[in-house]
Amino acid sequence: MNSTINRYTLVFILLTTIISFAQDAPLEQESLITDRPDATEASSTVGAGVIQIETGAFYTSFEENENKIETYGYNTTLVRYGLLDKLELRLGWNFEEIRFSFDGEENPNVLSGFSPLLAGAKIDIAEENGWMPEIAIIGHLFLPLSASSDYRPETTGADFRFSLSHTLSEKSSIGYNIGAQWGDDSSEVAYIYTLAYGYSITDQFGFYAELYGDMPEDNKANHLWDAGLTYLINPNFQLDATVGSSITKGQDLLLSAGLSYRIPNN
């Protein structure tokens, strides 16, 4: 009980404290910066009055001892709304399907439905200044009552992370996240990390490569990689595609594709 209370108290303190940093300033419409397709969350918010919708689909597979698990994500929508210039609210909801097979024969029992609703906030803390990175902090709750029966945990999950980034040149940058998460009806904390390198090939095409993973307190660490391309159709509309796999056991293949669309405040 104490671990559950501490979990929610920590996230509540983080989300309420960081609001004090928010300042309502005029928005300058800048380059479209998204929280997809990689696992690294961007270190900037969308700006006051802006709505940004980021959605897509994915496929993962893992096979061990002739047992194969395939996960299909048909909808991975995240809606970001700039309440203030340095504070955004976030809602996310996935629709997923998990299929099992053994020795090439598919099991008729399929898990499918909506995952717990993600609700949270991101706040800008500091701008980049020389060797000092741009910094934001993000926190979420994962609400079990919003999930389908196949994906409904008994307890509320939570996560938080610091998101940081450095500009390397006019065409390249690195971003990284450090944080922790709780979920799957376990009081065990899993520490999370990401590290992504981004490069602008042209004004429209971008490339990224990333390492990411989690380190549960009482279990083995999971380390993964992915890489992909983005294509900016116009200043407010971007497409993306990703391929990846795990370094440790757990994922043979990741394929993902999606789009992001920004609705300006004017």
C-alpha atoms as a PDB file:
ATOM      1  CA  MET A   1       0.000   0.000   0.000  1.00  0.00           C
ATOM      2  CA  ASN A   2       2.763   2.425   0.865  1.00  0.00           C
ATOM      3  CA  SER A   3       4.527   1.815  -2.462  1.00  0.00           C
ATOM      4  CA  THR A   4       1.286   2.573  -4.350  1.00  0.00           C
ATOM      5  CA  ILE A   5       0.722   5.781  -2.416  1.00  0.00           C
ATOM      6  CA  ASN A   6       4.330   6.858  -2.964  1.00  0.00           C
ATOM      7  CA  ARG A   7       4.015   6.158  -6.685  1.00  0.00           C
ATOM      8  CA  TYR A   8       0.995   8.415  -7.188  1.00  0.00           C
ATOM      9  CA  THR A   9       2.273  11.043  -4.773  1.00  0.00           C
ATOM     10  CA  LEU A  10       5.548  11.326  -6.701  1.00  0.00           C
ATOM     11  CA  VAL A  11       3.802  11.798 -10.041  1.00  0.00           C
ATOM     12  CA  PHE A  12       1.314  14.286  -8.516  1.00  0.00           C
ATOM     13  CA  ILE A  13       4.122  16.356  -7.000  1.00  0.00           C
ATOM     14  CA  LEU A  14       6.035  16.366 -10.284  1.00  0.00           C
ATOM     15  CA  LEU A  15       3.039  17.441 -12.358  1.00  0.00           C
ATOM     16  CA  THR A  16       1.895  20.143  -9.944  1.00  0.00           C
ATOM     17  CA  THR A  17       5.345  21.535  -9.165  1.00  0.00           C
ATOM     18  CA  ILE A  18       6.399  21.926 -12.768  1.00  0.00           C
ATOM     19  CA  ILE A  19       3.295  23.989 -13.569  1.00  0.00           C
ATOM     20  CA  SER A  20       4.923  26.841 -11.653  1.00  0.00           C
ATOM     21  CA  PHE A  21       7.518  27.046 -14.437  1.00  0.00           C
ATOM     22  CA  ALA A  22       4.904  27.606 -17.127  1.00  0.00           C
ATOM     23  CA  GLN A  23       4.794  31.100 -18.623  1.00  0.00           C
ATOM     24  CA  ASP A  24       2.197  32.315 -21.077  1.00  0.00           C
ATOM     25  CA  ALA A  25       4.246  33.945 -23.868  1.00  0.00           C
ATOM     26  CA  PRO A  26       3.542  34.668 -27.556  1.00  0.00           C
ATOM     27  CA  LEU A  27       3.955  31.604 -29.731  1.00  0.00           C
ATOM     28  CA  GLU A  28       6.378  31.549 -32.613  1.00  0.00           C
ATOM     29  CA  GLN A  29       5.439  28.837 -35.087  1.00  0.00           C
ATOM     30  CA  GLU A  30       8.629  26.819 -35.361  1.00  0.00           C
ATOM     31  CA  SER A  31       9.634  23.523 -36.934  1.00  0.00           C
ATOM     32  CA  LEU A  32       7.308  20.597 -36.328  1.00  0.00           C
ATOM     33  CA  ILE A  33       8.764  18.577 -33.434  1.00  0.00           C
ATOM     34  CA  THR A  34       7.021  15.314 -32.554  1.00  0.00           C
ATOM     35  CA  ASP A  35       7.126  12.641 -29.877  1.00  0.00           C
ATOM     36  CA  ARG A  36       6.963   9.892 -32.505  1.00  0.00           C
ATOM     37  CA  PRO A  37       8.201   7.705 -34.114  1.00  0.00           C
ATOM     38  CA  ASP A  38      11.016   7.021 -31.626  1.00  0.00           C
ATOM     39  CA  ALA A  39      10.756   6.189 -27.932  1.00  0.00           C
ATOM     40  CA  THR A  40      12.523   9.442 -27.005  1.00  0.00           C
ATOM     41  CA  GLU A  41      10.067  12.156 -26.007  1.00  0.00           C
ATOM     42  CA  ALA A  42      10.949  15.611 -27.340  1.00  0.00           C
ATOM     43  CA  SER A  43      12.271  18.207 -24.894  1.00  0.00           C
ATOM     44  CA  SER A  44       9.815  20.908 -26.025  1.00  0.00           C
ATOM     45  CA  THR A  45       6.070  21.498 -25.801  1.00  0.00           C
ATOM     46  CA  VAL A  46       3.749  22.336 -28.694  1.00  0.00           C
ATOM     47  CA  GLY A  47       3.043  25.941 -27.643  1.00  0.00           C
ATOM     48  CA  ALA A  48      -0.015  27.761 -26.330  1.00  0.00           C
ATOM     49  CA  GLY A  49      -3.263  27.000 -28.130  1.00  0.00           C
ATOM     50  CA  VAL A  50      -1.720  24.417 -30.467  1.00  0.00           C
ATOM     51  CA  ILE A  51      -3.221  20.950 -30.936  1.00  0.00           C
ATOM     52  CA  GLN A  52      -0.905  18.248 -32.240  1.00  0.00           C
ATOM     53  CA  ILE A  53      -2.150  14.784 -33.198  1.00  0.00           C
ATOM     54  CA  GLU A  54       0.382  11.972 -33.564  1.00  0.00           C
ATOM     55  CA  THR A  55      -0.865   8.553 -34.644  1.00  0.00           C
ATOM     56  CA  GLY A  56       0.288   5.408 -36.382  1.00  0.00           C
ATOM     57  CA  ALA A  57       0.436   1.631 -36.477  1.00  0.00           C
ATOM     58  CA  PHE A  58       3.067  -0.932 -35.523  1.00  0.00           C
ATOM     59  CA  TYR A  59       3.910  -4.619 -35.651  1.00  0.00           C
ATOM     60  CA  THR A  60       6.249  -6.587 -33.377  1.00  0.00           C
ATOM     61  CA  SER A  61       7.143 -10.267 -33.255  1.00  0.00           C
ATOM     62  CA  PHE A  62       9.126 -12.559 -30.987  1.00  0.00           C
ATOM     63  CA  GLU A  63       9.721 -16.293 -31.349  1.00  0.00           C
ATOM     64  CA  GLU A  64      11.307 -18.638 -28.833  1.00  0.00           C
ATOM     65  CA  ASN A  65      11.142 -22.444 -28.604  1.00  0.00           C
ATOM     66  CA  GLU A  66       8.673 -22.525 -31.529  1.00  0.00           C
ATOM     67  CA  ASN A  67       6.332 -20.183 -29.637  1.00  0.00           C
ATOM     68  CA  LYS A  68       5.631 -16.947 -31.508  1.00  0.00           C
ATOM     69  CA  ILE A  69       3.961 -13.789 -30.252  1.00  0.00           C
ATOM     70  CA  GLU A  70       2.854 -11.102 -32.691  1.00  0.00           C
ATOM     71  CA  THR A  71       1.497  -7.725 -31.630  1.00  0.00           C
ATOM     72  CA  TYR A  72      -0.430  -5.463 -33.994  1.00  0.00           C
ATOM     73  CA  GLY A  73      -1.036  -1.861 -32.981  1.00  0.00           C
ATOM     74  CA  TYR A  74      -3.729  -0.445 -35.235  1.00  0.00           C
ATOM     75  CA  ASN A  75      -3.976   2.886 -33.484  1.00  0.00           C
ATOM     76  CA  THR A  76      -1.360   4.650 -31.339  1.00  0.00           C
ATOM     77  CA  THR A  77      -2.895   8.089 -31.062  1.00  0.00           C
ATOM     78  CA  LEU A  78      -1.398  10.799 -28.842  1.00  0.00           C
ATOM     79  CA  VAL A  79      -3.133  14.181 -28.658  1.00  0.00           C
ATOM     80  CA  ARG A  80      -1.063  17.069 -27.315  1.00  0.00           C
ATOM     81  CA  TYR A  81      -2.661  20.403 -26.391  1.00  0.00           C
ATOM     82  CA  GLY A  82      -0.712  23.517 -25.441  1.00  0.00           C
ATOM     83  CA  LEU A  83      -2.522  24.893 -22.400  1.00  0.00           C
ATOM     84  CA  LEU A  84       0.220  27.490 -21.980  1.00  0.00           C
ATOM     85  CA  ASP A  85       3.291  28.262 -24.053  1.00  0.00           C
ATOM     86  CA  LYS A  86       5.431  26.017 -21.842  1.00  0.00           C
ATOM     87  CA  LEU A  87       2.810  23.531 -20.654  1.00  0.00           C
ATOM     88  CA  GLU A  88       0.997  20.886 -22.676  1.00  0.00           C
ATOM     89  CA  LEU A  89      -1.662  18.354 -21.723  1.00  0.00           C
ATOM     90  CA  ARG A  90      -1.465  14.864 -23.203  1.00  0.00           C
ATOM     91  CA  LEU A  91      -3.983  12.081 -23.906  1.00  0.00           C
ATOM     92  CA  GLY A  92      -3.080   8.792 -25.568  1.00  0.00           C
ATOM     93  CA  TRP A  93      -4.942   5.600 -26.394  1.00  0.00           C
ATOM     94  CA  ASN A  94      -3.809   2.483 -28.262  1.00  0.00           C
ATOM     95  CA  PHE A  95      -5.844  -0.269 -29.898  1.00  0.00           C
ATOM     96  CA  GLU A  96      -3.802  -3.471 -30.019  1.00  0.00           C
ATOM     97  CA  GLU A  97      -4.107  -7.144 -30.880  1.00  0.00           C
ATOM     98  CA  ILE A  98      -1.855  -9.989 -29.716  1.00  0.00           C
ATOM     99  CA  ARG A  99      -1.741 -13.294 -31.596  1.00  0.00           C
ATOM    100  CA  PHE A 100      -0.047 -16.513 -30.495  1.00  0.00           C
ATOM    101  CA  SER A 101       1.180 -19.453 -32.546  1.00  0.00           C
ATOM    102  CA  PHE A 102       3.102 -22.669 -31.899  1.00  0.00           C
ATOM    103  CA  ASP A 103       5.049 -24.590 -34.531  1.00  0.00           C
ATOM    104  CA  GLY A 104       3.440 -22.537 -37.300  1.00  0.00           C
ATOM    105  CA  GLU A 105      -0.140 -23.076 -36.095  1.00  0.00           C
ATOM    106  CA  GLU A 106      -2.014 -20.012 -34.920  1.00  0.00           C
ATOM    107  CA  ASN A 107      -3.854 -20.121 -31.610  1.00  0.00           C
ATOM    108  CA  PRO A 108      -7.498 -19.047 -32.061  1.00  0.00           C
ATOM    109  CA  ASN A 109      -7.387 -17.142 -28.760  1.00  0.00           C
ATOM    110  CA  VAL A 110      -6.524 -13.542 -29.601  1.00  0.00           C
ATOM    111  CA  LEU A 111      -6.141 -10.665 -27.150  1.00  0.00           C
ATOM    112  CA  SER A 112      -7.495  -7.402 -28.526  1.00  0.00           C
ATOM    113  CA  GLY A 113      -8.811  -4.057 -27.379  1.00  0.00           C
ATOM    114  CA  PHE A 114      -7.849  -0.652 -26.068  1.00  0.00           C
ATOM    115  CA  SER A 115      -4.952  -0.194 -23.683  1.00  0.00           C
ATOM    116  CA  PRO A 116      -5.338   1.989 -20.556  1.00  0.00           C
ATOM    117  CA  LEU A 117      -5.838   5.657 -21.394  1.00  0.00           C
ATOM    118  CA  LEU A 118      -2.680   7.720 -20.976  1.00  0.00           C
ATOM    119  CA  ALA A 119      -3.263  11.116 -19.342  1.00  0.00           C
ATOM    120  CA  GLY A 120      -0.491  13.504 -18.418  1.00  0.00           C
ATOM    121  CA  ALA A 121       1.441  16.679 -19.027  1.00  0.00           C
ATOM    122  CA  LYS A 122       4.755  17.976 -20.306  1.00  0.00           C
ATOM    123  CA  ILE A 123       6.423  21.191 -19.175  1.00  0.00           C
ATOM    124  CA  ASP A 124       9.401  23.105 -20.510  1.00  0.00           C
ATOM    125  CA  ILE A 125      11.935  23.757 -17.748  1.00  0.00           C
ATOM    126  CA  ALA A 126      15.005  25.215 -19.463  1.00  0.00           C
ATOM    127  CA  GLU A 127      16.123  26.330 -22.907  1.00  0.00           C
ATOM    128  CA  GLU A 128      19.401  25.182 -24.417  1.00  0.00           C
ATOM    129  CA  ASN A 129      22.284  27.448 -23.469  1.00  0.00           C
ATOM    130  CA  GLY A 130      25.783  26.469 -24.546  1.00  0.00           C
ATOM    131  CA  TRP A 131      26.628  23.094 -23.018  1.00  0.00           C
ATOM    132  CA  MET A 132      23.398  23.160 -20.995  1.00  0.00           C
ATOM    133  CA  PRO A 133      20.670  21.102 -22.704  1.00  0.00           C
ATOM    134  CA  GLU A 134      17.066  21.974 -23.354  1.00  0.00           C
ATOM    135  CA  ILE A 135      15.042  20.267 -20.602  1.00  0.00           C
ATOM    136  CA  ALA A 136      11.423  19.248 -20.147  1.00  0.00           C
ATOM    137  CA  ILE A 137       9.692  16.972 -17.668  1.00  0.00           C
ATOM    138  CA  ILE A 138       6.835  14.605 -18.493  1.00  0.00           C
ATOM    139  CA  GLY A 139       4.451  12.606 -16.297  1.00  0.00           C
ATOM    140  CA  HIS A 140       1.570  10.243 -17.084  1.00  0.00           C
ATOM    141  CA  LEU A 141      -1.049   8.101 -15.418  1.00  0.00           C
ATOM    142  CA  PHE A 142      -2.413   4.983 -17.161  1.00  0.00           C
ATOM    143  CA  LEU A 143      -6.102   4.641 -16.244  1.00  0.00           C
ATOM    144  CA  PRO A 144      -7.318   1.019 -16.080  1.00  0.00           C
ATOM    145  CA  LEU A 145     -11.072   1.730 -16.307  1.00  0.00           C
ATOM    146  CA  SER A 146     -10.608   2.990 -19.880  1.00  0.00           C
ATOM    147  CA  ALA A 147      -9.036  -0.287 -21.057  1.00  0.00           C
ATOM    148  CA  SER A 148     -10.670  -3.274 -22.723  1.00  0.00           C
ATOM    149  CA  SER A 149     -11.005  -6.399 -20.587  1.00  0.00           C
ATOM    150  CA  ASP A 150      -8.011  -8.118 -22.236  1.00  0.00           C
ATOM    151  CA  TYR A 151      -5.753  -5.177 -21.347  1.00  0.00           C
ATOM    152  CA  ARG A 152      -7.242  -3.955 -18.085  1.00  0.00           C
ATOM    153  CA  PRO A 153      -4.897  -4.009 -15.070  1.00  0.00           C
ATOM    154  CA  GLU A 154      -6.232  -3.849 -11.540  1.00  0.00           C
ATOM    155  CA  THR A 155      -4.184  -0.818 -10.561  1.00  0.00           C
ATOM    156  CA  THR A 156      -3.295   2.523 -12.123  1.00  0.00           C
ATOM    157  CA  GLY A 157       0.120   2.722 -13.770  1.00  0.00           C
ATOM    158  CA  ALA A 158       2.355   5.778 -13.810  1.00  0.00           C
ATOM    159  CA  ASP A 159       5.553   7.095 -15.333  1.00  0.00           C
ATOM    160  CA  PHE A 160       7.717  10.193 -15.387  1.00  0.00           C
ATOM    161  CA  ARG A 161      10.831  11.213 -17.255  1.00  0.00           C
ATOM    162  CA  PHE A 162      13.191  14.082 -17.852  1.00  0.00           C
ATOM    163  CA  SER A 163      13.653  14.844 -21.541  1.00  0.00           C
ATOM    164  CA  LEU A 164      16.860  16.580 -22.634  1.00  0.00           C
ATOM    165  CA  SER A 165      18.395  17.529 -25.991  1.00  0.00           C
ATOM    166  CA  HIS A 166      21.521  19.118 -27.465  1.00  0.00           C
ATOM    167  CA  THR A 167      22.006  20.757 -30.854  1.00  0.00           C
ATOM    168  CA  LEU A 168      25.148  19.354 -32.491  1.00  0.00           C
ATOM    169  CA  SER A 169      25.015  21.308 -35.760  1.00  0.00           C
ATOM    170  CA  GLU A 170      22.507  22.920 -38.115  1.00  0.00           C
ATOM    171  CA  LYS A 171      21.543  19.442 -39.298  1.00  0.00           C
ATOM    172  CA  SER A 172      21.997  17.172 -36.289  1.00  0.00           C
ATOM    173  CA  SER A 173      21.036  16.817 -32.645  1.00  0.00           C
ATOM    174  CA  ILE A 174      20.778  14.272 -29.847  1.00  0.00           C
ATOM    175  CA  GLY A 175      17.941  13.716 -27.412  1.00  0.00           C
ATOM    176  CA  TYR A 176      17.738  11.533 -24.348  1.00  0.00           C
ATOM    177  CA  ASN A 177      15.241  10.620 -21.622  1.00  0.00           C
ATOM    178  CA  ILE A 178      15.766   9.381 -18.075  1.00  0.00           C
ATOM    179  CA  GLY A 179      12.912   8.305 -15.839  1.00  0.00           C
ATOM    180  CA  ALA A 180      10.920   5.506 -14.221  1.00  0.00           C
ATOM    181  CA  GLN A 181       7.635   3.694 -14.653  1.00  0.00           C
ATOM    182  CA  TRP A 182       5.251   1.459 -12.707  1.00  0.00           C
ATOM    183  CA  GLY A 183       2.625  -0.798 -14.218  1.00  0.00           C
ATOM    184  CA  ASP A 184       1.264  -4.287 -14.893  1.00  0.00           C
ATOM    185  CA  ASP A 185      -0.141  -4.458 -11.352  1.00  0.00           C
ATOM    186  CA  SER A 186       3.370  -4.456  -9.902  1.00  0.00           C
ATOM    187  CA  SER A 187       4.844  -2.121  -7.298  1.00  0.00           C
ATOM    188  CA  GLU A 188       8.272  -2.794  -8.810  1.00  0.00           C
ATOM    189  CA  VAL A 189       9.802   0.270 -10.453  1.00  0.00           C
ATOM    190  CA  ALA A 190      11.435  -0.003 -13.875  1.00  0.00           C
ATOM    191  CA  TYR A 191      14.007   2.670 -14.674  1.00  0.00           C
ATOM    192  CA  ILE A 192      13.803   3.827 -18.293  1.00  0.00           C
ATOM    193  CA  TYR A 193      16.290   5.432 -20.648  1.00  0.00           C
ATOM    194  CA  THR A 194      16.466   6.516 -24.284  1.00  0.00           C
ATOM    195  CA  LEU A 195      19.185   8.013 -26.498  1.00  0.00           C
ATOM    196  CA  ALA A 196      18.408   9.221 -30.028  1.00  0.00           C
ATOM    197  CA  TYR A 197      20.483  10.850 -32.760  1.00  0.00           C
ATOM    198  CA  GLY A 198      18.677  12.875 -35.423  1.00  0.00           C
ATOM    199  CA  TYR A 199      19.961  14.180 -38.749  1.00  0.00           C
ATOM    200  CA  SER A 200      18.250  16.394 -41.346  1.00  0.00           C
ATOM    201  CA  ILE A 201      19.087  14.905 -44.755  1.00  0.00           C
ATOM    202  CA  THR A 202      17.153  17.662 -46.550  1.00  0.00           C
ATOM    203  CA  ASP A 203      14.553  20.236 -45.536  1.00  0.00           C
ATOM    204  CA  GLN A 204      11.931  17.475 -45.868  1.00  0.00           C
ATOM    205  CA  PHE A 205      13.728  14.219 -45.054  1.00  0.00           C
ATOM    206  CA  GLY A 206      15.098  13.355 -41.629  1.00  0.00           C
ATOM    207  CA  PHE A 207      16.853  10.287 -40.214  1.00  0.00           C
ATOM    208  CA  TYR A 208      17.172   9.015 -36.660  1.00  0.00           C
ATOM    209  CA  ALA A 209      18.781   6.114 -34.800  1.00  0.00           C
ATOM    210  CA  GLU A 210      18.053   5.217 -31.197  1.00  0.00           C
ATOM    211  CA  LEU A 211      18.901   3.014 -28.229  1.00  0.00           C
ATOM    212  CA  TYR A 212      16.339   2.601 -25.459  1.00  0.00           C
ATOM    213  CA  GLY A 213      15.268   0.242 -22.730  1.00  0.00           C
ATOM    214  CA  ASP A 214      14.151  -0.342 -19.177  1.00  0.00           C
ATOM    215  CA  MET A 215      15.739  -1.822 -16.085  1.00  0.00           C
ATOM    216  CA  PRO A 216      13.244  -3.407 -13.642  1.00  0.00           C
ATOM    217  CA  GLU A 217      14.332  -3.615 -10.038  1.00  0.00           C
ATOM    218  CA  ASP A 218      13.871  -7.378  -9.703  1.00  0.00           C
ATOM    219  CA  ASN A 219      14.248  -8.548 -13.284  1.00  0.00           C
ATOM    220  CA  LYS A 220      16.594  -8.506 -16.268  1.00  0.00           C
ATOM    221  CA  ALA A 221      17.118  -5.307 -18.198  1.00  0.00           C
ATOM    222  CA  ASN A 222      15.625  -4.895 -21.670  1.00  0.00           C
ATOM    223  CA  HIS A 223      17.649  -3.065 -24.325  1.00  0.00           C
ATOM    224  CA  LEU A 224      16.380  -2.265 -27.820  1.00  0.00           C
ATOM    225  CA  TRP A 225      17.262  -0.215 -30.895  1.00  0.00           C
ATOM    226  CA  ASP A 226      15.370   1.360 -33.756  1.00  0.00           C
ATOM    227  CA  ALA A 227      15.988   3.660 -36.705  1.00  0.00           C
ATOM    228  CA  GLY A 228      13.788   5.440 -39.178  1.00  0.00           C
ATOM    229  CA  LEU A 229      12.928   8.242 -41.550  1.00  0.00           C
ATOM    230  CA  THR A 230      10.609  11.231 -41.355  1.00  0.00           C
ATOM    231  CA  TYR A 231       9.172  13.187 -44.267  1.00  0.00           C
ATOM    232  CA  LEU A 232       7.779  16.695 -43.777  1.00  0.00           C
ATOM    233  CA  ILE A 233       4.991  17.196 -46.308  1.00  0.00           C
ATOM    234  CA  ASN A 234       4.367  20.753 -45.122  1.00  0.00           C
ATOM    235  CA  PRO A 235       5.292  22.734 -41.965  1.00  0.00           C
ATOM    236  CA  ASN A 236       2.415  21.105 -40.042  1.00  0.00           C
ATOM    237  CA  PHE A 237       2.237  17.571 -41.477  1.00  0.00           C
ATOM    238  CA  GLN A 238       4.845  14.814 -41.166  1.00  0.00           C
ATOM    239  CA  LEU A 239       5.040  11.119 -42.107  1.00  0.00           C
ATOM    240  CA  ASP A 240       7.376   8.563 -40.499  1.00  0.00           C
ATOM    241  CA  ALA A 241       8.565   4.964 -40.829  1.00  0.00           C
ATOM    242  CA  THR A 242      10.618   2.856 -38.400  1.00  0.00           C
ATOM    243  CA  VAL A 243      12.332  -0.516 -38.142  1.00  0.00           C
ATOM    244  CA  GLY A 244      13.911  -1.993 -35.021  1.00  0.00           C
ATOM    245  CA  SER A 245      14.639  -4.993 -32.831  1.00  0.00           C
ATOM    246  CA  SER A 246      15.880  -5.875 -29.366  1.00  0.00           C
ATOM    247  CA  ILE A 247      19.476  -6.256 -28.258  1.00  0.00           C
ATOM    248  CA  THR A 248      18.439  -8.516 -25.396  1.00  0.00           C
ATOM    249  CA  LYS A 249      15.662 -11.119 -25.696  1.00  0.00           C
ATOM    250  CA  GLY A 250      12.084 -10.032 -26.292  1.00  0.00           C
ATOM    251  CA  GLN A 251      11.686  -8.598 -29.779  1.00  0.00           C
ATOM    252  CA  ASP A 252      12.780 -10.012 -33.133  1.00  0.00           C
ATOM    253  CA  LEU A 253      11.261  -7.283 -35.277  1.00  0.00           C
ATOM    254  CA  LEU A 254       9.581  -3.898 -34.959  1.00  0.00           C
ATOM    255  CA  LEU A 255       7.899  -2.157 -37.889  1.00  0.00           C
ATOM    256  CA  SER A 256       6.068   1.125 -37.507  1.00  0.00           C
ATOM    257  CA  ALA A 257       4.586   3.888 -39.638  1.00  0.00           C
ATOM    258  CA  GLY A 258       2.555   6.953 -38.823  1.00  0.00           C
ATOM    259  CA  LEU A 259       1.827  10.623 -39.190  1.00  0.00           C
ATOM    260  CA  SER A 260       1.779  13.787 -37.114  1.00  0.00           C
ATOM    261  CA  TYR A 261      -0.391  16.834 -37.751  1.00  0.00           C
ATOM    262  CA  ARG A 262      -0.256  20.208 -36.002  1.00  0.00           C
ATOM    263  CA  ILE A 263      -3.280  22.485 -35.799  1.00  0.00           C
ATOM    264  CA  PRO A 264      -1.924  26.015 -35.186  1.00  0.00           C
ATOM    265  CA  ASN A 265      -3.674  28.469 -32.893  1.00  0.00           C
ATOM    266  CA  ASN A 266      -4.392  30.944 -35.715  1.00  0.00           C
END
